[in-house]
Structures are given as structure tokens and as C-alpha cells.
Amino acid sequence: MLGTLEETQLLCKLFNQFMDSKENYNVVIGEEGGRDFSDECSMVISGCHHDNSPVAGFGFIGPNRMSYSDTISFAQGVSKEISELKSVK
């Protein structure tokens, strides 16, 4: 897993790939991240949108056996808070 963390370009590429998605979150498990992504890692990526444009994003990296339901729930909560802050002018 540490090797994946050192691959900044790979993480940025994955992050940008899913930031354009209109989904509230995306899950990348092992091989789904591409040939250079560790089979032992997974990511939960969440984007925040305002007026249908991405304005912020974040992600969680963990082992394949992480608690996806807890991580996704947390990501959705953070995304909602960020989106609400962005809509306040």
C-alpha cells in the first residue's frame, strides 16, 4: 500500500478521472485502478459540485477490506457539507 501512496501521478490521474463523474462517490478496488495500482489497495473518491461543475474533491485510500459502507457514508456527509458551504455566498 505504501508503494501506491508514493505514486502521486497515478493517484492524481485516478482522482481526476472520477472527479468529472456526476456520482456522489466512486469506489476503486485493486485492479480497477489500472495496472500500476496496487491489488491490495482501494479508494473511495468523492467530488463536490456546484452548478454541475466540480469544485472540490477528496478521497480515502485503504486496504481492500476497509469498511466501505462507513467510508462512503462519511464521504457523502463531507461532500454535502462542502457543497453547502460553496452555495453560501
Protein backbone atom coordinates (compact mmCIF):
# COMPACT_ATOMS: atom_id res chain seq x y z
CA MET A 1 0.00 0.00 0.00
CA LEU A 2 2.85 2.42 0.75
CA GLY A 3 4.13 1.99 -2.78
CA THR A 4 0.81 3.26 -4.12
CA LEU A 5 0.96 6.31 -1.88
CA GLU A 6 4.33 7.17 -3.36
CA GLU A 7 2.85 7.15 -6.87
CA THR A 8 1.50 10.70 -6.77
CA GLN A 9 0.92 10.90 -10.52
CA LEU A 10 -1.10 7.70 -10.53
CA LEU A 11 -3.28 8.91 -7.66
CA CYS A 12 -3.84 12.28 -9.35
CA LYS A 13 -4.80 10.54 -12.59
CA LEU A 14 -7.33 8.31 -10.81
CA PHE A 15 -8.68 11.23 -8.84
CA ASN A 16 -9.15 13.41 -11.93
CA GLN A 17 -10.76 10.56 -13.84
CA PHE A 18 -13.53 10.27 -11.27
CA MET A 19 -13.89 13.95 -10.39
CA ASP A 20 -15.73 14.57 -13.66
CA SER A 21 -18.32 11.98 -12.68
CA LYS A 22 -21.68 13.25 -11.50
CA GLU A 23 -21.84 10.43 -8.96
CA ASN A 24 -21.63 11.33 -5.26
CA TYR A 25 -18.78 8.87 -4.87
CA ASN A 26 -16.77 6.26 -6.73
CA VAL A 27 -15.06 3.16 -5.40
CA VAL A 28 -11.87 1.82 -6.98
CA ILE A 29 -10.79 -1.62 -5.79
CA GLY A 30 -7.44 -3.17 -6.66
CA GLU A 31 -7.06 -3.82 -10.38
CA GLU A 32 -9.86 -1.38 -11.23
CA GLY A 33 -7.32 1.38 -10.63
CA GLY A 34 -5.21 0.19 -13.54
CA ARG A 35 -2.12 -1.91 -13.89
CA ASP A 36 0.02 0.35 -11.71
CA PHE A 37 -2.47 0.49 -8.84
CA SER A 38 -1.85 -1.95 -6.02
CA ASP A 39 -4.08 -5.03 -5.89
CA GLU A 40 -4.14 -4.57 -2.11
CA CYS A 41 -5.50 -1.02 -2.10
CA SER A 42 -8.83 0.59 -2.66
CA MET A 43 -10.03 4.17 -2.89
CA VAL A 44 -13.29 5.93 -2.20
CA ILE A 45 -13.33 9.17 -4.19
CA SER A 46 -15.95 11.86 -3.70
CA GLY A 47 -16.49 15.06 -5.60
CA CYS A 48 -18.38 18.21 -4.71
CA HIS A 49 -20.25 20.05 -7.44
CA HIS A 50 -21.78 23.49 -7.73
CA ASP A 51 -23.92 24.35 -10.74
CA ASN A 52 -22.95 20.98 -12.26
CA SER A 53 -19.24 21.83 -12.13
CA PRO A 54 -16.70 20.10 -9.88
CA VAL A 55 -15.42 22.49 -7.21
CA ALA A 56 -13.70 20.18 -4.74
CA GLY A 57 -12.85 16.58 -4.20
CA PHE A 58 -11.24 14.23 -1.76
CA GLY A 59 -10.56 10.56 -1.34
CA PHE A 60 -9.79 7.83 1.11
CA ILE A 61 -7.16 5.18 0.48
CA GLY A 62 -7.23 1.94 2.41
CA PRO A 63 -6.97 -1.81 2.23
CA ASN A 64 -9.38 -3.80 0.08
CA ARG A 65 -11.14 -4.92 3.24
CA MET A 66 -11.94 -1.44 4.54
CA SER A 67 -15.45 -0.73 5.79
CA TYR A 68 -16.89 0.61 2.54
CA SER A 69 -20.30 1.46 4.00
CA ASP A 70 -18.74 3.60 6.75
CA THR A 71 -16.27 5.25 4.38
CA ILE A 72 -18.92 6.02 1.76
CA SER A 73 -21.29 7.39 4.39
CA PHE A 74 -18.55 9.64 5.76
CA ALA A 75 -17.59 10.78 2.24
CA GLN A 76 -21.20 11.65 1.42
CA GLY A 77 -21.50 13.67 4.62
CA VAL A 78 -18.32 15.62 3.96
CA SER A 79 -19.33 16.19 0.33
CA LYS A 80 -22.72 17.53 1.42
CA GLU A 81 -21.11 19.93 3.91
CA ILE A 82 -18.62 21.21 1.33
CA SER A 83 -21.36 21.67 -1.27
CA GLU A 84 -23.48 23.61 1.22
CA LEU A 85 -20.54 25.86 2.09
CA LYS A 86 -19.97 26.54 -1.60
CA SER A 87 -23.62 27.52 -2.11
CA VAL A 88 -23.43 30.15 0.67
CA LYS A 89 -22.44 33.47 -0.85
